[in-house]
C-alpha atoms as a PDB file:
ATOM      1  CA  UNK A   1      95.671 114.127 125.541  1.00  0.00           C
ATOM      2  CA  UNK A   2      93.997 117.402 126.513  1.00  0.00           C
ATOM      3  CA  UNK A   3      94.027 116.468 130.172  1.00  0.00           C
ATOM      4  CA  UNK A   4      97.723 115.664 129.899  1.00  0.00           C
ATOM      5  CA  UNK A   5      98.178 119.226 128.696  1.00  0.00           C
ATOM      6  CA  UNK A   6      96.534 120.532 131.888  1.00  0.00           C
ATOM      7  CA  UNK A   7      93.371 121.670 130.114  1.00  0.00           C
ATOM      8  CA  UNK A   8      90.003 121.699 131.877  1.00  0.00           C
ATOM      9  CA  UNK A   9      88.064 119.013 129.959  1.00  0.00           C
ATOM     10  CA  UNK A  10      84.351 118.211 130.056  1.00  0.00           C
ATOM     11  CA  UNK A  11      83.008 115.200 128.152  1.00  0.00           C
ATOM     12  CA  UNK A  12      79.393 115.214 127.016  1.00  0.00           C
ATOM     13  CA  UNK A  13      77.577 111.875 126.978  1.00  0.00           C
ATOM     14  CA  UNK A  14      74.012 111.668 125.705  1.00  0.00           C
ATOM     15  CA  UNK A  15      73.130 108.964 128.261  1.00  0.00           C
ATOM     16  CA  UNK A  16      73.028 110.286 131.883  1.00  0.00           C
ATOM     17  CA  UNK A  17      73.872 106.818 133.219  1.00  0.00           C
ATOM     18  CA  UNK A  18      77.059 106.808 131.156  1.00  0.00           C
ATOM     19  CA  UNK A  19      78.236 110.191 132.435  1.00  0.00           C
ATOM     20  CA  UNK A  20      77.506 109.116 136.014  1.00  0.00           C
ATOM     21  CA  UNK A  21      79.498 105.915 135.556  1.00  0.00           C
ATOM     22  CA  UNK A  22      82.451 107.812 134.099  1.00  0.00           C
ATOM     23  CA  UNK A  23      82.536 110.268 137.010  1.00  0.00           C
ATOM     24  CA  UNK A  24      82.155 107.513 139.585  1.00  0.00           C
ATOM     25  CA  UNK A  25      84.492 104.849 138.206  1.00  0.00           C
ATOM     26  CA  UNK A  26      86.890 106.948 136.095  1.00  0.00           C
ATOM     27  CA  UNK A  27      86.263 104.528 133.224  1.00  0.00           C
ATOM     28  CA  UNK A  28      83.925 104.472 130.261  1.00  0.00           C
ATOM     29  CA  UNK A  29      81.861 101.278 130.670  1.00  0.00           C
ATOM     30  CA  UNK A  30      81.143 101.051 126.918  1.00  0.00           C
ATOM     31  CA  UNK A  31      84.254 102.113 125.019  1.00  0.00           C
ATOM     32  CA  UNK A  32      87.968 101.613 125.748  1.00  0.00           C
ATOM     33  CA  UNK A  33      86.893 100.110 129.038  1.00  0.00           C
ATOM     34  CA  UNK A  34      90.411  99.122 130.131  1.00  0.00           C
ATOM     35  CA  UNK A  35      91.689 102.714 130.257  1.00  0.00           C
ATOM     36  CA  UNK A  36      91.480 104.821 133.414  1.00  0.00           C
ATOM     37  CA  UNK A  37      90.285 108.356 132.682  1.00  0.00           C
ATOM     38  CA  UNK A  38      92.199 111.340 134.135  1.00  0.00           C
ATOM     39  CA  UNK A  39      90.891 112.833 137.398  1.00  0.00           C
ATOM     40  CA  UNK A  40      90.747 116.331 135.897  1.00  0.00           C
ATOM     41  CA  UNK A  41      88.230 115.226 133.238  1.00  0.00           C
ATOM     42  CA  UNK A  42      84.546 115.166 134.136  1.00  0.00           C
ATOM     43  CA  UNK A  43      81.486 113.987 132.232  1.00  0.00           C
ATOM     44  CA  UNK A  44      78.004 115.450 131.951  1.00  0.00           C
ATOM     45  CA  UNK A  45      74.806 114.684 130.064  1.00  0.00           C
ATOM     46  CA  UNK A  46      73.922 118.403 129.998  1.00  0.00           C
ATOM     47  CA  UNK A  47      74.990 119.750 126.598  1.00  0.00           C
ATOM     48  CA  UNK A  48      74.875 123.375 127.728  1.00  0.00           C
ATOM     49  CA  UNK A  49      77.123 122.620 130.693  1.00  0.00           C
ATOM     50  CA  UNK A  50      79.568 120.844 128.398  1.00  0.00           C
ATOM     51  CA  UNK A  51      80.040 123.605 125.805  1.00  0.00           C
ATOM     52  CA  UNK A  52      79.131 126.914 127.484  1.00  0.00           C
ATOM     53  CA  UNK A  53      82.120 129.223 127.857  1.00  0.00           C
ATOM     54  CA  UNK A  54      84.514 126.758 126.229  1.00  0.00           C
ATOM     55  CA  UNK A  55      87.099 128.252 123.828  1.00  0.00           C
ATOM     56  CA  UNK A  56      87.464 124.883 122.080  1.00  0.00           C
ATOM     57  CA  UNK A  57      84.652 122.386 121.395  1.00  0.00           C
ATOM     58  CA  UNK A  58      85.413 118.998 119.807  1.00  0.00           C
ATOM     59  CA  UNK A  59      82.593 117.256 117.953  1.00  0.00           C
ATOM     60  CA  UNK A  60      83.031 113.471 117.846  1.00  0.00           C
ATOM     61  CA  UNK A  61      79.469 112.209 117.483  1.00  0.00           C
ATOM     62  CA  UNK A  62      78.549 109.795 114.631  1.00  0.00           C
ATOM     63  CA  UNK A  63      77.991 111.562 111.306  1.00  0.00           C
ATOM     64  CA  UNK A  64      74.237 110.954 111.257  1.00  0.00           C
ATOM     65  CA  UNK A  65      73.902 112.789 114.594  1.00  0.00           C
ATOM     66  CA  UNK A  66      76.051 115.834 113.824  1.00  0.00           C
ATOM     67  CA  UNK A  67      73.286 118.104 112.534  1.00  0.00           C
ATOM     68  CA  UNK A  68      70.975 117.449 115.480  1.00  0.00           C
ATOM     69  CA  UNK A  69      73.649 117.751 118.172  1.00  0.00           C
ATOM     70  CA  UNK A  70      75.239 120.855 116.636  1.00  0.00           C
ATOM     71  CA  UNK A  71      71.842 122.546 116.404  1.00  0.00           C
ATOM     72  CA  UNK A  72      71.200 121.839 120.073  1.00  0.00           C
ATOM     73  CA  UNK A  73      74.626 123.100 121.133  1.00  0.00           C
ATOM     74  CA  UNK A  74      74.956 126.139 118.869  1.00  0.00           C
ATOM     75  CA  UNK A  75      73.219 128.678 121.108  1.00  0.00           C
ATOM     76  CA  UNK A  76      75.540 127.800 123.995  1.00  0.00           C
ATOM     77  CA  UNK A  77      78.843 128.387 122.192  1.00  0.00           C
ATOM     78  CA  UNK A  78      81.051 131.106 123.599  1.00  0.00           C
ATOM     79  CA  UNK A  79      81.886 134.073 121.338  1.00  0.00           C
ATOM     80  CA  UNK A  80      84.988 133.206 119.337  1.00  0.00           C
ATOM     81  CA  UNK A  81      84.858 129.492 120.161  1.00  0.00           C
ATOM     82  CA  UNK A  82      86.574 127.134 117.733  1.00  0.00           C
ATOM     83  CA  UNK A  83      84.736 123.928 116.813  1.00  0.00           C
ATOM     84  CA  UNK A  84      86.856 120.908 115.882  1.00  0.00           C
ATOM     85  CA  UNK A  85      85.199 118.106 113.929  1.00  0.00           C
ATOM     86  CA  UNK A  86      86.745 114.652 114.173  1.00  0.00           C
ATOM     87  CA  UNK A  87      83.767 113.114 112.338  1.00  0.00           C
ATOM     88  CA  UNK A  88      84.563 111.172 109.158  1.00  0.00           C
ATOM     89  CA  UNK A  89      81.483 110.953 106.976  1.00  0.00           C
ATOM     90  CA  UNK A  90      79.176 112.517 104.395  1.00  0.00           C
ATOM     91  CA  UNK A  91      75.565 113.410 105.138  1.00  0.00           C
ATOM     92  CA  UNK A  92      73.429 110.940 103.196  1.00  0.00           C
ATOM     93  CA  UNK A  93      70.534 113.210 102.245  1.00  0.00           C
ATOM     94  CA  UNK A  94      72.458 116.354 101.304  1.00  0.00           C
ATOM     95  CA  UNK A  95      75.860 115.032 100.207  1.00  0.00           C
ATOM     96  CA  UNK A  96      77.476 117.604 102.506  1.00  0.00           C
ATOM     97  CA  UNK A  97      80.713 116.899 104.344  1.00  0.00           C
ATOM     98  CA  UNK A  98      80.702 117.387 108.106  1.00  0.00           C
ATOM     99  CA  UNK A  99      82.294 120.836 108.053  1.00  0.00           C
ATOM    100  CA  UNK A 100      79.655 121.928 105.538  1.00  0.00           C
ATOM    101  CA  UNK A 101      76.903 120.594 107.794  1.00  0.00           C
ATOM    102  CA  UNK A 102      78.388 122.408 110.780  1.00  0.00           C
ATOM    103  CA  UNK A 103      78.772 125.658 108.854  1.00  0.00           C
ATOM    104  CA  UNK A 104      75.168 125.417 107.702  1.00  0.00           C
ATOM    105  CA  UNK A 105      73.852 124.737 111.199  1.00  0.00           C
ATOM    106  CA  UNK A 106      76.027 127.206 113.110  1.00  0.00           C
ATOM    107  CA  UNK A 107      76.012 130.196 110.777  1.00  0.00           C
ATOM    108  CA  UNK A 108      77.160 133.610 111.960  1.00  0.00           C
ATOM    109  CA  UNK A 109      80.540 134.001 113.594  1.00  0.00           C
ATOM    110  CA  UNK A 110      81.023 130.306 114.366  1.00  0.00           C
ATOM    111  CA  UNK A 111      80.666 128.937 110.818  1.00  0.00           C
ATOM    112  CA  UNK A 112      84.101 130.156 109.620  1.00  0.00           C
ATOM    113  CA  UNK A 113      85.779 128.717 112.725  1.00  0.00           C
ATOM    114  CA  UNK A 114      85.186 125.031 112.033  1.00  0.00           C
ATOM    115  CA  UNK A 115      88.411 123.011 112.051  1.00  0.00           C
ATOM    116  CA  UNK A 116      88.619 119.429 110.779  1.00  0.00           C
ATOM    117  CA  UNK A 117      90.881 116.819 112.360  1.00  0.00           C
ATOM    118  CA  UNK A 118      91.703 113.703 110.364  1.00  0.00           C
ATOM    119  CA  UNK A 119      94.482 111.225 109.680  1.00  0.00           C
ATOM    120  CA  UNK A 120      95.553 107.697 110.672  1.00  0.00           C
ATOM    121  CA  UNK A 121      94.451 107.379 114.281  1.00  0.00           C
ATOM    122  CA  UNK A 122      92.928 104.468 116.175  1.00  0.00           C
ATOM    123  CA  UNK A 123      91.506 105.721 119.484  1.00  0.00           C
ATOM    124  CA  UNK A 124      92.845 102.734 121.406  1.00  0.00           C
ATOM    125  CA  UNK A 125      96.421 103.481 120.388  1.00  0.00           C
ATOM    126  CA  UNK A 126      96.079 107.183 121.231  1.00  0.00           C
ATOM    127  CA  UNK A 127      94.717 106.246 124.663  1.00  0.00           C
ATOM    128  CA  UNK A 128      97.639 103.874 125.150  1.00  0.00           C
ATOM    129  CA  UNK A 129     100.087 106.724 124.487  1.00  0.00           C
ATOM    130  CA  UNK A 130     101.412 105.293 121.228  1.00  0.00           C
ATOM    131  CA  UNK A 131     102.811 107.859 118.734  1.00  0.00           C
ATOM    132  CA  UNK A 132     100.095 109.224 116.438  1.00  0.00           C
ATOM    133  CA  UNK A 133     100.269 111.899 113.746  1.00  0.00           C
ATOM    134  CA  UNK A 134      97.189 113.673 112.364  1.00  0.00           C
ATOM    135  CA  UNK A 135      96.296 116.767 110.363  1.00  0.00           C
ATOM    136  CA  UNK A 136      94.059 119.714 111.225  1.00  0.00           C
ATOM    137  CA  UNK A 137      92.467 121.679 108.390  1.00  0.00           C
ATOM    138  CA  UNK A 138      90.842 125.097 108.523  1.00  0.00           C
ATOM    139  CA  UNK A 139      90.035 127.917 106.151  1.00  0.00           C
ATOM    140  CA  UNK A 140      91.739 130.299 108.577  1.00  0.00           C
ATOM    141  CA  UNK A 141      95.323 129.204 109.222  1.00  0.00           C
ATOM    142  CA  UNK A 142      95.276 130.928 112.610  1.00  0.00           C
ATOM    143  CA  UNK A 143      92.473 128.640 113.817  1.00  0.00           C
ATOM    144  CA  UNK A 144      94.335 125.565 112.571  1.00  0.00           C
ATOM    145  CA  UNK A 145      97.434 126.645 114.469  1.00  0.00           C
ATOM    146  CA  UNK A 146      95.472 127.160 117.694  1.00  0.00           C
ATOM    147  CA  UNK A 147      94.123 123.609 117.487  1.00  0.00           C
ATOM    148  CA  UNK A 148      97.516 122.266 116.436  1.00  0.00           C
ATOM    149  CA  UNK A 149      99.216 123.817 119.450  1.00  0.00           C
ATOM    150  CA  UNK A 150      96.433 122.826 121.862  1.00  0.00           C
ATOM    151  CA  UNK A 151      96.308 119.146 120.903  1.00  0.00           C
ATOM    152  CA  UNK A 152      99.956 118.396 120.170  1.00  0.00           C
ATOM    153  CA  UNK A 153     101.981 116.626 122.853  1.00  0.00           C
ATOM    154  CA  UNK A 154     104.881 114.125 122.889  1.00  0.00           C
ATOM    155  CA  UNK A 155     102.613 111.275 121.687  1.00  0.00           C
ATOM    156  CA  UNK A 156     100.242 113.226 119.403  1.00  0.00           C
ATOM    157  CA  UNK A 157     101.648 115.404 116.623  1.00  0.00           C
ATOM    158  CA  UNK A 158      99.398 117.640 114.508  1.00  0.00           C
ATOM    159  CA  UNK A 159     100.161 119.116 111.093  1.00  0.00           C
ATOM    160  CA  UNK A 160      98.110 121.989 109.674  1.00  0.00           C
ATOM    161  CA  UNK A 161      96.532 122.007 106.206  1.00  0.00           C
ATOM    162  CA  UNK A 162      94.431 124.669 104.419  1.00  0.00           C
ATOM    163  CA  UNK A 163      92.597 122.103 102.252  1.00  0.00           C
ATOM    164  CA  UNK A 164      89.451 121.484 104.313  1.00  0.00           C
ATOM    165  CA  UNK A 165      87.601 119.766 101.455  1.00  0.00           C
ATOM    166  CA  UNK A 166      90.423 117.343 100.726  1.00  0.00           C
ATOM    167  CA  UNK A 167      91.077 116.462 104.361  1.00  0.00           C
ATOM    168  CA  UNK A 168      87.386 115.771 104.994  1.00  0.00           C
ATOM    169  CA  UNK A 169      86.837 113.709 101.852  1.00  0.00           C
ATOM    170  CA  UNK A 170      89.991 111.668 102.433  1.00  0.00           C
ATOM    171  CA  UNK A 171      88.866 110.841 105.956  1.00  0.00           C
ATOM    172  CA  UNK A 172      85.360 109.910 104.861  1.00  0.00           C
ATOM    173  CA  UNK A 173      85.983 107.986 101.645  1.00  0.00           C
ATOM    174  CA  UNK A 174      88.810 105.787 102.928  1.00  0.00           C
ATOM    175  CA  UNK A 175      86.153 103.970 104.992  1.00  0.00           C
ATOM    176  CA  UNK A 176      84.424 102.903 101.777  1.00  0.00           C
ATOM    177  CA  UNK A 177      87.640 101.466 100.379  1.00  0.00           C
ATOM    178  CA  UNK A 178      88.332  99.736 103.713  1.00  0.00           C
ATOM    179  CA  UNK A 179      85.035  97.850 103.364  1.00  0.00           C
ATOM    180  CA  UNK A 180      86.109  96.792  99.862  1.00  0.00           C
ATOM    181  CA  UNK A 181      89.486  95.597 101.138  1.00  0.00           C
ATOM    182  CA  UNK A 182      87.763  93.736 103.967  1.00  0.00           C
ATOM    183  CA  UNK A 183      85.497  91.978 101.465  1.00  0.00           C
ATOM    184  CA  UNK A 184      88.543  90.973  99.447  1.00  0.00           C
ATOM    185  CA  UNK A 185      90.335  89.668 102.527  1.00  0.00           C
ATOM    186  CA  UNK A 186      87.189  87.847 103.636  1.00  0.00           C
ATOM    187  CA  UNK A 187      87.109  86.119 100.258  1.00  0.00           C
ATOM    188  CA  UNK A 188      90.825  85.296 100.714  1.00  0.00           C
ATOM    189  CA  UNK A 189      91.751  86.945  97.417  1.00  0.00           C
ATOM    190  CA  UNK A 190      95.305  87.669  98.514  1.00  0.00           C
ATOM    191  CA  UNK A 191      97.780  90.515  98.919  1.00  0.00           C
ATOM    192  CA  UNK A 192      97.778  91.494  95.236  1.00  0.00           C
ATOM    193  CA  UNK A 193      94.057  92.201  95.342  1.00  0.00           C
ATOM    194  CA  UNK A 194      94.407  94.194  98.546  1.00  0.00           C
ATOM    195  CA  UNK A 195      97.141  96.375  97.057  1.00  0.00           C
ATOM    196  CA  UNK A 196      95.122  96.910  93.887  1.00  0.00           C
ATOM    197  CA  UNK A 197      91.996  97.965  95.781  1.00  0.00           C
ATOM    198  CA  UNK A 198      93.923 100.410  97.948  1.00  0.00           C
ATOM    199  CA  UNK A 199      95.711 101.945  94.971  1.00  0.00           C
ATOM    200  CA  UNK A 200      92.671 102.245  92.726  1.00  0.00           C
ATOM    201  CA  UNK A 201      90.623 103.291  95.746  1.00  0.00           C
ATOM    202  CA  UNK A 202      92.986 106.193  96.305  1.00  0.00           C
ATOM    203  CA  UNK A 203      92.502 107.123  92.645  1.00  0.00           C
ATOM    204  CA  UNK A 204      88.717 107.227  93.179  1.00  0.00           C
ATOM    205  CA  UNK A 205      89.038 109.345  96.312  1.00  0.00           C
ATOM    206  CA  UNK A 206      91.349 111.770  94.508  1.00  0.00           C
ATOM    207  CA  UNK A 207      89.098 111.947  91.439  1.00  0.00           C
ATOM    208  CA  UNK A 208      86.043 112.934  93.448  1.00  0.00           C
ATOM    209  CA  UNK A 209      88.027 115.239  95.705  1.00  0.00           C
ATOM    210  CA  UNK A 210      89.583 117.197  92.864  1.00  0.00           C
ATOM    211  CA  UNK A 211      86.177 117.560  91.191  1.00  0.00           C
ATOM    212  CA  UNK A 212      84.899 119.125  94.425  1.00  0.00           C
ATOM    213  CA  UNK A 213      87.811 121.543  94.681  1.00  0.00           C
ATOM    214  CA  UNK A 214      90.394 119.670  96.753  1.00  0.00           C
ATOM    215  CA  UNK A 215      94.132 119.657  96.100  1.00  0.00           C
ATOM    216  CA  UNK A 216      95.391 116.308  94.734  1.00  0.00           C
ATOM    217  CA  UNK A 217      98.431 116.599  97.027  1.00  0.00           C
ATOM    218  CA  UNK A 218      96.199 116.298 100.095  1.00  0.00           C
ATOM    219  CA  UNK A 219      95.408 112.707  99.183  1.00  0.00           C
ATOM    220  CA  UNK A 220      99.104 111.836  99.323  1.00  0.00           C
ATOM    221  CA  UNK A 221      99.210 113.012 102.935  1.00  0.00           C
ATOM    222  CA  UNK A 222      97.991 111.921 106.350  1.00  0.00           C
ATOM    223  CA  UNK A 223      94.260 112.381 105.644  1.00  0.00           C
ATOM    224  CA  UNK A 224      94.610 110.555 102.318  1.00  0.00           C
ATOM    225  CA  UNK A 225      96.982 107.665 101.836  1.00  0.00           C
ATOM    226  CA  UNK A 226      97.962 107.648 105.530  1.00  0.00           C
ATOM    227  CA  UNK A 227      94.446 107.067 106.804  1.00  0.00           C
ATOM    228  CA  UNK A 228      93.699 104.731 103.889  1.00  0.00           C
ATOM    229  CA  UNK A 229      96.605 102.426 104.759  1.00  0.00           C
ATOM    230  CA  UNK A 230      95.647 102.269 108.424  1.00  0.00           C
ATOM    231  CA  UNK A 231      91.932 101.663 107.875  1.00  0.00           C
ATOM    232  CA  UNK A 232      92.432  99.081 105.139  1.00  0.00           C
ATOM    233  CA  UNK A 233      95.039  97.009 106.981  1.00  0.00           C
ATOM    234  CA  UNK A 234      94.594  97.599 110.719  1.00  0.00           C
ATOM    235  CA  UNK A 235      92.917  94.971 112.884  1.00  0.00           C
ATOM    236  CA  UNK A 236      91.160  97.736 114.862  1.00  0.00           C
ATOM    237  CA  UNK A 237      89.398  99.035 111.739  1.00  0.00           C
ATOM    238  CA  UNK A 238      85.624  98.739 112.099  1.00  0.00           C
ATOM    239  CA  UNK A 239      85.023  99.283 108.388  1.00  0.00           C
ATOM    240  CA  UNK A 240      87.497  96.619 107.330  1.00  0.00           C
ATOM    241  CA  UNK A 241      85.825  94.291 109.857  1.00  0.00           C
ATOM    242  CA  UNK A 242      82.436  94.869 108.213  1.00  0.00           C
ATOM    243  CA  UNK A 243      83.930  93.999 104.841  1.00  0.00           C
ATOM    244  CA  UNK A 244      85.623  90.883 106.233  1.00  0.00           C
ATOM    245  CA  UNK A 245      82.320  89.539 107.509  1.00  0.00           C
ATOM    246  CA  UNK A 246      80.539  90.367 104.250  1.00  0.00           C
ATOM    247  CA  UNK A 247      83.242  88.492 102.342  1.00  0.00           C
ATOM    248  CA  UNK A 248      82.728  85.526 104.637  1.00  0.00           C
ATOM    249  CA  UNK A 249      79.036  85.422 103.778  1.00  0.00           C
ATOM    250  CA  UNK A 250      77.332  87.199 106.687  1.00  0.00           C
ATOM    251  CA  UNK A 251      74.449  89.635 106.178  1.00  0.00           C
ATOM    252  CA  UNK A 252      75.005  93.327 106.839  1.00  0.00           C
ATOM    253  CA  UNK A 253      72.138  93.573 109.320  1.00  0.00           C
ATOM    254  CA  UNK A 254      73.603  90.774 111.423  1.00  0.00           C
ATOM    255  CA  UNK A 255      77.086  92.315 111.308  1.00  0.00           C
ATOM    256  CA  UNK A 256      75.911  95.763 112.414  1.00  0.00           C
ATOM    257  CA  UNK A 257      73.695  94.309 115.144  1.00  0.00           C
ATOM    258  CA  UNK A 258      76.760  92.839 116.799  1.00  0.00           C
ATOM    259  CA  UNK A 259      78.814  96.067 116.778  1.00  0.00           C
ATOM    260  CA  UNK A 260      79.014  98.532 119.670  1.00  0.00           C
ATOM    261  CA  UNK A 261      80.614 101.287 117.604  1.00  0.00           C
ATOM    262  CA  UNK A 262      79.635 102.895 114.301  1.00  0.00           C
ATOM    263  CA  UNK A 263      81.196 101.763 111.015  1.00  0.00           C
ATOM    264  CA  UNK A 264      80.883 105.087 109.187  1.00  0.00           C
ATOM    265  CA  UNK A 265      81.712 103.545 105.819  1.00  0.00           C
ATOM    266  CA  UNK A 266      78.284 101.911 105.516  1.00  0.00           C
ATOM    267  CA  UNK A 267      76.441 105.239 105.413  1.00  0.00           C
ATOM    268  CA  UNK A 268      79.286 107.004 103.629  1.00  0.00           C
ATOM    269  CA  UNK A 269      79.222 104.528 100.739  1.00  0.00           C
ATOM    270  CA  UNK A 270      75.650 105.432  99.851  1.00  0.00           C
ATOM    271  CA  UNK A 271      76.294 109.149 100.322  1.00  0.00           C
ATOM    272  CA  UNK A 272      79.495 109.066  98.247  1.00  0.00           C
ATOM    273  CA  UNK A 273      77.814 107.267  95.358  1.00  0.00           C
ATOM    274  CA  UNK A 274      74.942 109.760  95.357  1.00  0.00           C
ATOM    275  CA  UNK A 275      77.414 112.655  95.413  1.00  0.00           C
ATOM    276  CA  UNK A 276      79.515 111.118  92.632  1.00  0.00           C
ATOM    277  CA  UNK A 277      76.445 110.718  90.417  1.00  0.00           C
ATOM    278  CA  UNK A 278      75.512 114.330  91.103  1.00  0.00           C
ATOM    279  CA  UNK A 279      78.884 115.710  89.981  1.00  0.00           C
ATOM    280  CA  UNK A 280      79.528 113.153  87.226  1.00  0.00           C
ATOM    281  CA  UNK A 281      82.465 111.222  88.707  1.00  0.00           C
ATOM    282  CA  UNK A 282      83.030 107.494  88.243  1.00  0.00           C
ATOM    283  CA  UNK A 283      83.715 105.467  91.415  1.00  0.00           C
ATOM    284  CA  UNK A 284      83.715 101.791  90.349  1.00  0.00           C
ATOM    285  CA  UNK A 285      84.859 100.366  93.681  1.00  0.00           C
ATOM    286  CA  UNK A 286      82.450 102.474  95.733  1.00  0.00           C
ATOM    287  CA  UNK A 287      79.564 101.615  93.407  1.00  0.00           C
ATOM    288  CA  UNK A 288      80.284  97.883  93.802  1.00  0.00           C
ATOM    289  CA  UNK A 289      80.546  98.202  97.587  1.00  0.00           C
ATOM    290  CA  UNK A 290      77.165  99.919  97.625  1.00  0.00           C
ATOM    291  CA  UNK A 291      75.569  97.052  95.675  1.00  0.00           C
ATOM    292  CA  UNK A 292      77.043  94.519  98.103  1.00  0.00           C
ATOM    293  CA  UNK A 293      75.851  96.519 101.128  1.00  0.00           C
ATOM    294  CA  UNK A 294      72.364  96.735  99.656  1.00  0.00           C
ATOM    295  CA  UNK A 295      72.412  92.985  98.981  1.00  0.00           C
ATOM    296  CA  UNK A 296      71.979  93.561  95.245  1.00  0.00           C
ATOM    297  CA  UNK A 297      75.242  91.825  94.412  1.00  0.00           C
ATOM    298  CA  UNK A 298      77.184  88.949  95.943  1.00  0.00           C
ATOM    299  CA  UNK A 299      80.747  89.834  97.023  1.00  0.00           C
ATOM    300  CA  UNK A 300      82.300  87.341  94.610  1.00  0.00           C
ATOM    301  CA  UNK A 301      80.237  88.739  91.708  1.00  0.00           C
ATOM    302  CA  UNK A 302      81.346  92.272  92.614  1.00  0.00           C
ATOM    303  CA  UNK A 303      84.968  91.179  92.243  1.00  0.00           C
ATOM    304  CA  UNK A 304      84.263  89.626  88.853  1.00  0.00           C
ATOM    305  CA  UNK A 305      82.578  92.822  87.640  1.00  0.00           C
ATOM    306  CA  UNK A 306      85.493  94.973  88.709  1.00  0.00           C
ATOM    307  CA  UNK A 307      88.011  92.677  87.063  1.00  0.00           C
ATOM    308  CA  UNK A 308      86.127  92.474  83.755  1.00  0.00           C
ATOM    309  CA  UNK A 309      85.345  96.182  83.289  1.00  0.00           C
ATOM    310  CA  UNK A 310      86.405  97.882  80.067  1.00  0.00           C
ATOM    311  CA  UNK A 311      90.190  98.159  79.897  1.00  0.00           C
ATOM    312  CA  UNK A 312      91.458 101.714  80.367  1.00  0.00           C
ATOM    313  CA  UNK A 313      94.570 103.795  80.911  1.00  0.00           C
ATOM    314  CA  UNK A 314      95.679 104.000  84.544  1.00  0.00           C
ATOM    315  CA  UNK A 315      95.490 107.796  84.314  1.00  0.00           C
ATOM    316  CA  UNK A 316      91.834 107.695  83.131  1.00  0.00           C
END
């Protein structure tokens, strides 16, 4: 999308062989292999070369690598550079969201200029030029508008949002619920169960988000219910796929061993449960998903526990 907007784009790849292959063949040999990459985009395995002097840096590494990569890149950022995080996760050890991790690592003038991009967006559909709508959140509205204007094009529309906490938590926690929905679908529990998990899952996401200072309205938007619907129902969803295989009886280690890409919901589930315990918020679905992931509870037994919990008001 950035290349289509005539921007000078450099892609950083950790593996030198991967960056060489991209520059030589104009294709990524590992991900979205059927798409030809624009001639104006080049790849490098040199992090300094990738970020130095750039007014806009987009961080799309897996959540468990954000702290390390950001620390290595920080000294090379140009004065006034804006950093956009597309990472959807929570740091397991600290319970910090990705923008909090980046602020902590970057410090100084760059910390306030972290912008978060989230919303219902499968990379394959964006690459294919199919219409996609996302949200960009920043503490400074001016930074959000810069990113909004830079990224938006006829097939990618960006909305701005001042609720950084809500946008990040919505993007991270929907992956947990997608695993739950996948488990349900893998057990062939039907459409009613899927709808119930998505609805009560949204209630859990909102409950934790509001406790941490987010606006409840954010979870009715693109980074909330929008991303939740896509990730829980889309065939391209990695997290739903993990749940499907768990529901069909496969072990988590075997499922993950066969995946090329990261299913962020696996790590996020543990981090979200730890965070919820810390702030005193109840997340029944997330807690059950964690027990299934840790092989402490069979998927079918998790369903039975959820269905036989103490009866409560829907607004509880």
